[in-house]
């Protein structure tokens, strides 16, 4: 009776909102924000039950398992992540390493509290580690990633060359951030070599954005001379701006 009444309200709340927005075709992450309070009630109930049952011998055999698995995964992540970052995104290595050390130390402390049957302290230490990593991430790592992956300088260069009237298209990829930074309402996406051939053989000057690895196949497959006007590495991807006509000076 009492357990059912505790569950009923947040369960109905969660299921109705989740089902309604799952059925809707136009989904946005902001629409499911009302789910968070219902989910937090479930989490609060679970943590309260965990702390109150923590000293029960039968509960200790299985009830601790989800936390032990979670702490183990976090420790493993803290070890593997900086190694992966070192080889793939070396510029982020020092901040990621410092975050990983905090995660590993925090979860080891949480493990010790758990084995000492002090679940409240284990959860508190995990929460503190979570807060520290979120603060480190938002203040240090996310600004670094934005600087590293930002398409803004490249798009500013595109605008200087292309202007507002000339035709611009993507070939075999699309990122909405280019729309935002170039200020264009739409940019055509071409995925077909035949359409690309027609596009680049136009009498008017046209421009094309493509990944560096696509350039050679485009040159071989298209019956038109193409000219590389701009090139930049955004994150791990090198993007090139080409045209069917040579670069013109600003005076023209």
C-alpha atoms as a PDB file:
ATOM      1  CA  UNK A   1       0.000   0.000   0.000  1.00  0.00           C
ATOM      2  CA  UNK A   2       2.428   2.700   1.186  1.00  0.00           C
ATOM      3  CA  UNK A   3       5.201   1.699  -1.260  1.00  0.00           C
ATOM      4  CA  UNK A   4       2.679   1.700  -4.109  1.00  0.00           C
ATOM      5  CA  UNK A   5       1.413   5.193  -3.239  1.00  0.00           C
ATOM      6  CA  UNK A   6       4.999   6.493  -3.135  1.00  0.00           C
ATOM      7  CA  UNK A   7       5.637   5.089  -6.610  1.00  0.00           C
ATOM      8  CA  UNK A   8       2.310   5.872  -8.269  1.00  0.00           C
ATOM      9  CA  UNK A   9       2.516   9.654  -8.654  1.00  0.00           C
ATOM     10  CA  UNK A  10       6.070   9.924 -10.088  1.00  0.00           C
ATOM     11  CA  UNK A  11       5.481   6.770 -12.208  1.00  0.00           C
ATOM     12  CA  UNK A  12       2.347   8.220 -13.857  1.00  0.00           C
ATOM     13  CA  UNK A  13       4.080  11.595 -14.245  1.00  0.00           C
ATOM     14  CA  UNK A  14       7.120  10.011 -15.944  1.00  0.00           C
ATOM     15  CA  UNK A  15       5.215   7.571 -18.179  1.00  0.00           C
ATOM     16  CA  UNK A  16       2.664  10.127 -19.459  1.00  0.00           C
ATOM     17  CA  UNK A  17       5.283  12.762 -20.356  1.00  0.00           C
ATOM     18  CA  UNK A  18       7.717  10.215 -21.835  1.00  0.00           C
ATOM     19  CA  UNK A  19       5.019   8.484 -23.932  1.00  0.00           C
ATOM     20  CA  UNK A  20       3.530  11.762 -25.195  1.00  0.00           C
ATOM     21  CA  UNK A  21       6.840  13.175 -26.417  1.00  0.00           C
ATOM     22  CA  UNK A  22       7.995   9.803 -27.807  1.00  0.00           C
ATOM     23  CA  UNK A  23       4.924   9.743 -30.061  1.00  0.00           C
ATOM     24  CA  UNK A  24       5.500  13.305 -31.272  1.00  0.00           C
ATOM     25  CA  UNK A  25       7.514  13.553 -34.489  1.00  0.00           C
ATOM     26  CA  UNK A  26       9.147  16.915 -33.746  1.00  0.00           C
ATOM     27  CA  UNK A  27      11.253  16.055 -30.713  1.00  0.00           C
ATOM     28  CA  UNK A  28      13.596  18.411 -28.900  1.00  0.00           C
ATOM     29  CA  UNK A  29      15.579  17.622 -25.784  1.00  0.00           C
ATOM     30  CA  UNK A  30      14.082  20.627 -23.987  1.00  0.00           C
ATOM     31  CA  UNK A  31      10.594  19.122 -24.200  1.00  0.00           C
ATOM     32  CA  UNK A  32      11.441  16.298 -21.789  1.00  0.00           C
ATOM     33  CA  UNK A  33      12.669  18.607 -19.005  1.00  0.00           C
ATOM     34  CA  UNK A  34       9.458  17.855 -16.985  1.00  0.00           C
ATOM     35  CA  UNK A  35      10.727  14.249 -16.682  1.00  0.00           C
ATOM     36  CA  UNK A  36      13.656  15.288 -14.485  1.00  0.00           C
ATOM     37  CA  UNK A  37      11.682  16.028 -11.271  1.00  0.00           C
ATOM     38  CA  UNK A  38       9.849  12.673 -11.582  1.00  0.00           C
ATOM     39  CA  UNK A  39      13.140  10.853 -12.200  1.00  0.00           C
ATOM     40  CA  UNK A  40      14.753  12.655  -9.241  1.00  0.00           C
ATOM     41  CA  UNK A  41      11.938  11.401  -6.955  1.00  0.00           C
ATOM     42  CA  UNK A  42      12.753   7.829  -8.043  1.00  0.00           C
ATOM     43  CA  UNK A  43      16.469   8.390  -7.472  1.00  0.00           C
ATOM     44  CA  UNK A  44      15.815   9.954  -4.052  1.00  0.00           C
ATOM     45  CA  UNK A  45      13.652   7.003  -3.030  1.00  0.00           C
ATOM     46  CA  UNK A  46      16.300   4.542  -4.266  1.00  0.00           C
ATOM     47  CA  UNK A  47      19.172   6.250  -2.426  1.00  0.00           C
ATOM     48  CA  UNK A  48      17.132   6.546   0.785  1.00  0.00           C
ATOM     49  CA  UNK A  49      16.247   2.825   0.579  1.00  0.00           C
ATOM     50  CA  UNK A  50      19.874   1.976  -0.119  1.00  0.00           C
ATOM     51  CA  UNK A  51      21.166   3.887   2.922  1.00  0.00           C
ATOM     52  CA  UNK A  52      18.484   2.515   5.254  1.00  0.00           C
ATOM     53  CA  UNK A  53      19.060  -1.099   4.090  1.00  0.00           C
ATOM     54  CA  UNK A  54      22.848  -0.868   3.881  1.00  0.00           C
ATOM     55  CA  UNK A  55      23.588  -2.723   7.124  1.00  0.00           C
ATOM     56  CA  UNK A  56      21.319  -5.674   6.307  1.00  0.00           C
ATOM     57  CA  UNK A  57      23.547  -8.702   5.569  1.00  0.00           C
ATOM     58  CA  UNK A  58      21.324 -10.070   2.791  1.00  0.00           C
ATOM     59  CA  UNK A  59      21.160  -6.653   1.129  1.00  0.00           C
ATOM     60  CA  UNK A  60      24.970  -6.263   1.252  1.00  0.00           C
ATOM     61  CA  UNK A  61      25.373  -9.345  -0.965  1.00  0.00           C
ATOM     62  CA  UNK A  62      23.453  -7.860  -3.932  1.00  0.00           C
ATOM     63  CA  UNK A  63      22.404  -4.298  -3.041  1.00  0.00           C
ATOM     64  CA  UNK A  64      25.972  -2.998  -3.144  1.00  0.00           C
ATOM     65  CA  UNK A  65      26.607  -4.522  -6.574  1.00  0.00           C
ATOM     66  CA  UNK A  66      25.292  -1.647  -8.788  1.00  0.00           C
ATOM     67  CA  UNK A  67      27.489   0.841  -6.906  1.00  0.00           C
ATOM     68  CA  UNK A  68      30.526  -1.450  -7.035  1.00  0.00           C
ATOM     69  CA  UNK A  69      30.072  -1.859 -10.800  1.00  0.00           C
ATOM     70  CA  UNK A  70      29.603   1.913 -11.269  1.00  0.00           C
ATOM     71  CA  UNK A  71      32.692   2.747  -9.184  1.00  0.00           C
ATOM     72  CA  UNK A  72      34.701   0.101 -11.070  1.00  0.00           C
ATOM     73  CA  UNK A  73      33.656   1.519 -14.463  1.00  0.00           C
ATOM     74  CA  UNK A  74      34.564   5.051 -13.337  1.00  0.00           C
ATOM     75  CA  UNK A  75      38.014   3.935 -12.130  1.00  0.00           C
ATOM     76  CA  UNK A  76      38.613   2.096 -15.422  1.00  0.00           C
ATOM     77  CA  UNK A  77      37.465   5.183 -17.363  1.00  0.00           C
ATOM     78  CA  UNK A  78      39.818   7.346 -15.313  1.00  0.00           C
ATOM     79  CA  UNK A  79      42.713   5.090 -16.351  1.00  0.00           C
ATOM     80  CA  UNK A  80      41.830   4.585 -20.038  1.00  0.00           C
ATOM     81  CA  UNK A  81      40.589   8.110 -20.909  1.00  0.00           C
ATOM     82  CA  UNK A  82      43.855  10.057 -20.443  1.00  0.00           C
ATOM     83  CA  UNK A  83      45.783   7.393 -22.417  1.00  0.00           C
ATOM     84  CA  UNK A  84      43.310   7.694 -25.311  1.00  0.00           C
ATOM     85  CA  UNK A  85      43.357  11.515 -25.138  1.00  0.00           C
ATOM     86  CA  UNK A  86      47.188  11.517 -25.107  1.00  0.00           C
ATOM     87  CA  UNK A  87      47.293   9.776 -28.494  1.00  0.00           C
ATOM     88  CA  UNK A  88      44.287  11.431 -30.160  1.00  0.00           C
ATOM     89  CA  UNK A  89      43.862  14.931 -28.624  1.00  0.00           C
ATOM     90  CA  UNK A  90      47.194  15.716 -26.995  1.00  0.00           C
ATOM     91  CA  UNK A  91      46.250  19.361 -26.296  1.00  0.00           C
ATOM     92  CA  UNK A  92      43.642  18.139 -23.760  1.00  0.00           C
ATOM     93  CA  UNK A  93      45.930  15.652 -21.989  1.00  0.00           C
ATOM     94  CA  UNK A  94      46.875  17.673 -18.851  1.00  0.00           C
ATOM     95  CA  UNK A  95      43.317  18.808 -17.907  1.00  0.00           C
ATOM     96  CA  UNK A  96      41.873  15.356 -18.686  1.00  0.00           C
ATOM     97  CA  UNK A  97      44.632  13.678 -16.634  1.00  0.00           C
ATOM     98  CA  UNK A  98      43.926  15.934 -13.644  1.00  0.00           C
ATOM     99  CA  UNK A  99      40.204  15.163 -13.927  1.00  0.00           C
ATOM    100  CA  UNK A 100      40.937  11.427 -14.192  1.00  0.00           C
ATOM    101  CA  UNK A 101      43.110  11.503 -11.050  1.00  0.00           C
ATOM    102  CA  UNK A 102      40.261  13.177  -9.133  1.00  0.00           C
ATOM    103  CA  UNK A 103      37.772  10.565 -10.434  1.00  0.00           C
ATOM    104  CA  UNK A 104      40.046   7.611  -9.544  1.00  0.00           C
ATOM    105  CA  UNK A 105      40.876   8.921  -6.049  1.00  0.00           C
ATOM    106  CA  UNK A 106      37.220   9.803  -5.389  1.00  0.00           C
ATOM    107  CA  UNK A 107      35.929   6.381  -6.409  1.00  0.00           C
ATOM    108  CA  UNK A 108      38.617   4.583  -4.359  1.00  0.00           C
ATOM    109  CA  UNK A 109      37.467   6.604  -1.318  1.00  0.00           C
ATOM    110  CA  UNK A 110      33.826   5.743  -2.163  1.00  0.00           C
ATOM    111  CA  UNK A 111      34.770   2.053  -2.423  1.00  0.00           C
ATOM    112  CA  UNK A 112      36.370   2.156   1.026  1.00  0.00           C
ATOM    113  CA  UNK A 113      33.295   3.790   2.564  1.00  0.00           C
ATOM    114  CA  UNK A 114      31.098   1.167   0.890  1.00  0.00           C
ATOM    115  CA  UNK A 115      33.158  -1.742   2.223  1.00  0.00           C
ATOM    116  CA  UNK A 116      33.058  -0.124   5.672  1.00  0.00           C
ATOM    117  CA  UNK A 117      29.240  -0.112   5.442  1.00  0.00           C
ATOM    118  CA  UNK A 118      29.083   3.710   5.352  1.00  0.00           C
ATOM    119  CA  UNK A 119      26.854   4.193   2.286  1.00  0.00           C
ATOM    120  CA  UNK A 120      25.921   7.808   3.040  1.00  0.00           C
ATOM    121  CA  UNK A 121      29.610   8.797   3.068  1.00  0.00           C
ATOM    122  CA  UNK A 122      30.235   6.754  -0.104  1.00  0.00           C
ATOM    123  CA  UNK A 123      27.426   8.594  -1.915  1.00  0.00           C
ATOM    124  CA  UNK A 124      28.562  11.975  -0.541  1.00  0.00           C
ATOM    125  CA  UNK A 125      32.137  11.453  -1.765  1.00  0.00           C
ATOM    126  CA  UNK A 126      30.835  10.405  -5.213  1.00  0.00           C
ATOM    127  CA  UNK A 127      28.659  13.527  -5.334  1.00  0.00           C
ATOM    128  CA  UNK A 128      31.619  15.782  -4.429  1.00  0.00           C
ATOM    129  CA  UNK A 129      33.764  14.158  -7.157  1.00  0.00           C
ATOM    130  CA  UNK A 130      30.913  14.663  -9.627  1.00  0.00           C
ATOM    131  CA  UNK A 131      30.684  18.380  -8.748  1.00  0.00           C
ATOM    132  CA  UNK A 132      34.457  18.876  -9.090  1.00  0.00           C
ATOM    133  CA  UNK A 133      34.587  17.123 -12.487  1.00  0.00           C
ATOM    134  CA  UNK A 134      31.600  19.114 -13.792  1.00  0.00           C
ATOM    135  CA  UNK A 135      33.274  22.369 -12.682  1.00  0.00           C
ATOM    136  CA  UNK A 136      36.586  21.338 -14.280  1.00  0.00           C
ATOM    137  CA  UNK A 137      34.788  20.303 -17.458  1.00  0.00           C
ATOM    138  CA  UNK A 138      32.758  23.496 -17.850  1.00  0.00           C
ATOM    139  CA  UNK A 139      35.550  25.885 -16.871  1.00  0.00           C
ATOM    140  CA  UNK A 140      38.570  24.269 -18.556  1.00  0.00           C
ATOM    141  CA  UNK A 141      37.836  21.377 -20.923  1.00  0.00           C
ATOM    142  CA  UNK A 142      34.718  22.644 -22.758  1.00  0.00           C
ATOM    143  CA  UNK A 143      36.341  26.040 -23.599  1.00  0.00           C
ATOM    144  CA  UNK A 144      39.377  24.097 -24.907  1.00  0.00           C
ATOM    145  CA  UNK A 145      37.165  21.875 -27.060  1.00  0.00           C
ATOM    146  CA  UNK A 146      35.254  24.896 -28.395  1.00  0.00           C
ATOM    147  CA  UNK A 147      38.516  26.575 -29.365  1.00  0.00           C
ATOM    148  CA  UNK A 148      39.827  23.359 -30.930  1.00  0.00           C
ATOM    149  CA  UNK A 149      36.708  22.385 -32.860  1.00  0.00           C
ATOM    150  CA  UNK A 150      35.185  25.790 -33.606  1.00  0.00           C
ATOM    151  CA  UNK A 151      34.253  26.358 -37.241  1.00  0.00           C
ATOM    152  CA  UNK A 152      33.858  30.113 -36.740  1.00  0.00           C
ATOM    153  CA  UNK A 153      37.251  31.330 -38.101  1.00  0.00           C
ATOM    154  CA  UNK A 154      36.899  29.066 -41.151  1.00  0.00           C
ATOM    155  CA  UNK A 155      33.358  30.321 -41.803  1.00  0.00           C
ATOM    156  CA  UNK A 156      34.545  33.923 -41.552  1.00  0.00           C
ATOM    157  CA  UNK A 157      37.097  33.076 -44.242  1.00  0.00           C
ATOM    158  CA  UNK A 158      34.357  31.477 -46.358  1.00  0.00           C
ATOM    159  CA  UNK A 159      32.227  34.621 -46.109  1.00  0.00           C
ATOM    160  CA  UNK A 160      35.113  36.807 -47.284  1.00  0.00           C
ATOM    161  CA  UNK A 161      35.577  34.644 -50.390  1.00  0.00           C
ATOM    162  CA  UNK A 162      32.009  33.577 -51.185  1.00  0.00           C
ATOM    163  CA  UNK A 163      30.063  36.667 -50.168  1.00  0.00           C
ATOM    164  CA  UNK A 164      26.286  36.631 -49.805  1.00  0.00           C
ATOM    165  CA  UNK A 165      25.121  36.090 -53.385  1.00  0.00           C
ATOM    166  CA  UNK A 166      27.312  33.242 -54.683  1.00  0.00           C
ATOM    167  CA  UNK A 167      26.172  29.611 -54.585  1.00  0.00           C
ATOM    168  CA  UNK A 168      27.633  27.394 -51.874  1.00  0.00           C
ATOM    169  CA  UNK A 169      27.071  23.665 -51.352  1.00  0.00           C
ATOM    170  CA  UNK A 170      28.312  20.748 -49.218  1.00  0.00           C
ATOM    171  CA  UNK A 171      29.546  17.502 -50.714  1.00  0.00           C
ATOM    172  CA  UNK A 172      28.942  14.252 -48.785  1.00  0.00           C
ATOM    173  CA  UNK A 173      28.697  15.868 -45.352  1.00  0.00           C
ATOM    174  CA  UNK A 174      26.729  18.511 -43.483  1.00  0.00           C
ATOM    175  CA  UNK A 175      27.128  20.408 -40.214  1.00  0.00           C
ATOM    176  CA  UNK A 176      24.538  22.970 -39.130  1.00  0.00           C
ATOM    177  CA  UNK A 177      27.251  25.044 -37.436  1.00  0.00           C
ATOM    178  CA  UNK A 178      28.367  26.210 -40.919  1.00  0.00           C
ATOM    179  CA  UNK A 179      24.897  27.638 -41.509  1.00  0.00           C
ATOM    180  CA  UNK A 180      25.080  29.487 -38.222  1.00  0.00           C
ATOM    181  CA  UNK A 181      28.540  31.005 -38.685  1.00  0.00           C
ATOM    182  CA  UNK A 182      28.128  31.876 -42.382  1.00  0.00           C
ATOM    183  CA  UNK A 183      24.717  33.412 -41.680  1.00  0.00           C
ATOM    184  CA  UNK A 184      23.113  31.515 -44.580  1.00  0.00           C
ATOM    185  CA  UNK A 185      19.506  30.308 -44.332  1.00  0.00           C
ATOM    186  CA  UNK A 186      20.286  27.112 -46.225  1.00  0.00           C
ATOM    187  CA  UNK A 187      23.178  25.363 -47.955  1.00  0.00           C
ATOM    188  CA  UNK A 188      22.547  22.624 -50.524  1.00  0.00           C
ATOM    189  CA  UNK A 189      23.949  19.160 -49.756  1.00  0.00           C
ATOM    190  CA  UNK A 190      25.140  17.149 -52.791  1.00  0.00           C
ATOM    191  CA  UNK A 191      25.682  13.409 -52.327  1.00  0.00           C
ATOM    192  CA  UNK A 192      25.648  12.331 -55.975  1.00  0.00           C
ATOM    193  CA  UNK A 193      28.604  12.634 -58.413  1.00  0.00           C
ATOM    194  CA  UNK A 194      26.297  13.342 -61.360  1.00  0.00           C
ATOM    195  CA  UNK A 195      24.655  16.248 -59.533  1.00  0.00           C
ATOM    196  CA  UNK A 196      28.081  17.444 -58.407  1.00  0.00           C
ATOM    197  CA  UNK A 197      29.299  17.379 -62.021  1.00  0.00           C
ATOM    198  CA  UNK A 198      26.341  19.541 -63.108  1.00  0.00           C
ATOM    199  CA  UNK A 199      26.906  21.881 -60.172  1.00  0.00           C
ATOM    200  CA  UNK A 200      30.626  22.454 -60.883  1.00  0.00           C
ATOM    201  CA  UNK A 201      30.074  22.804 -64.653  1.00  0.00           C
ATOM    202  CA  UNK A 202      27.758  25.774 -64.195  1.00  0.00           C
ATOM    203  CA  UNK A 203      28.657  28.962 -66.093  1.00  0.00           C
ATOM    204  CA  UNK A 204      28.408  30.971 -62.892  1.00  0.00           C
ATOM    205  CA  UNK A 205      30.976  30.857 -60.107  1.00  0.00           C
ATOM    206  CA  UNK A 206      30.008  28.232 -57.511  1.00  0.00           C
ATOM    207  CA  UNK A 207      31.639  27.059 -54.281  1.00  0.00           C
ATOM    208  CA  UNK A 208      31.792  23.674 -52.603  1.00  0.00           C
ATOM    209  CA  UNK A 209      32.707  22.532 -49.080  1.00  0.00           C
ATOM    210  CA  UNK A 210      34.088  19.022 -48.777  1.00  0.00           C
ATOM    211  CA  UNK A 211      36.295  16.858 -46.590  1.00  0.00           C
ATOM    212  CA  UNK A 212      39.953  16.671 -47.614  1.00  0.00           C
ATOM    213  CA  UNK A 213      39.773  12.927 -48.284  1.00  0.00           C
ATOM    214  CA  UNK A 214      37.003  13.499 -50.873  1.00  0.00           C
ATOM    215  CA  UNK A 215      39.009  15.973 -52.983  1.00  0.00           C
ATOM    216  CA  UNK A 216      40.928  13.461 -55.154  1.00  0.00           C
ATOM    217  CA  UNK A 217      37.833  11.428 -56.040  1.00  0.00           C
ATOM    218  CA  UNK A 218      35.996  14.660 -56.941  1.00  0.00           C
ATOM    219  CA  UNK A 219      38.858  15.771 -59.215  1.00  0.00           C
ATOM    220  CA  UNK A 220      38.875  12.373 -60.967  1.00  0.00           C
ATOM    221  CA  UNK A 221      35.096  12.082 -61.331  1.00  0.00           C
ATOM    222  CA  UNK A 222      34.119  15.630 -62.314  1.00  0.00           C
ATOM    223  CA  UNK A 223      34.649  16.980 -65.843  1.00  0.00           C
ATOM    224  CA  UNK A 224      35.558  20.445 -64.609  1.00  0.00           C
ATOM    225  CA  UNK A 225      38.623  22.212 -63.344  1.00  0.00           C
ATOM    226  CA  UNK A 226      38.406  22.877 -59.604  1.00  0.00           C
ATOM    227  CA  UNK A 227      40.425  25.304 -57.513  1.00  0.00           C
ATOM    228  CA  UNK A 228      41.204  25.049 -53.796  1.00  0.00           C
ATOM    229  CA  UNK A 229      40.562  28.415 -52.162  1.00  0.00           C
ATOM    230  CA  UNK A 230      40.560  27.696 -48.422  1.00  0.00           C
ATOM    231  CA  UNK A 231      41.562  24.855 -46.127  1.00  0.00           C
ATOM    232  CA  UNK A 232      41.284  24.418 -42.358  1.00  0.00           C
ATOM    233  CA  UNK A 233      41.363  21.653 -39.765  1.00  0.00           C
ATOM    234  CA  UNK A 234      38.343  21.740 -37.465  1.00  0.00           C
ATOM    235  CA  UNK A 235      38.726  19.188 -34.703  1.00  0.00           C
ATOM    236  CA  UNK A 236      39.960  15.990 -36.370  1.00  0.00           C
ATOM    237  CA  UNK A 237      38.520  16.854 -39.796  1.00  0.00           C
ATOM    238  CA  UNK A 238      40.178  18.917 -42.550  1.00  0.00           C
ATOM    239  CA  UNK A 239      37.628  20.862 -44.624  1.00  0.00           C
ATOM    240  CA  UNK A 240      38.341  22.456 -48.002  1.00  0.00           C
ATOM    241  CA  UNK A 241      36.531  25.187 -49.924  1.00  0.00           C
ATOM    242  CA  UNK A 242      36.814  24.725 -53.676  1.00  0.00           C
ATOM    243  CA  UNK A 243      35.378  26.571 -56.671  1.00  0.00           C
ATOM    244  CA  UNK A 244      34.911  25.993 -60.397  1.00  0.00           C
ATOM    245  CA  UNK A 245      36.807  29.214 -61.071  1.00  0.00           C
ATOM    246  CA  UNK A 246      40.119  30.631 -59.730  1.00  0.00           C
ATOM    247  CA  UNK A 247      40.183  32.927 -56.746  1.00  0.00           C
ATOM    248  CA  UNK A 248      39.343  36.531 -57.509  1.00  0.00           C
ATOM    249  CA  UNK A 249      40.782  39.542 -55.754  1.00  0.00           C
ATOM    250  CA  UNK A 250      38.657  41.758 -53.538  1.00  0.00           C
ATOM    251  CA  UNK A 251      38.923  44.535 -56.139  1.00  0.00           C
ATOM    252  CA  UNK A 252      37.038  42.377 -58.657  1.00  0.00           C
END
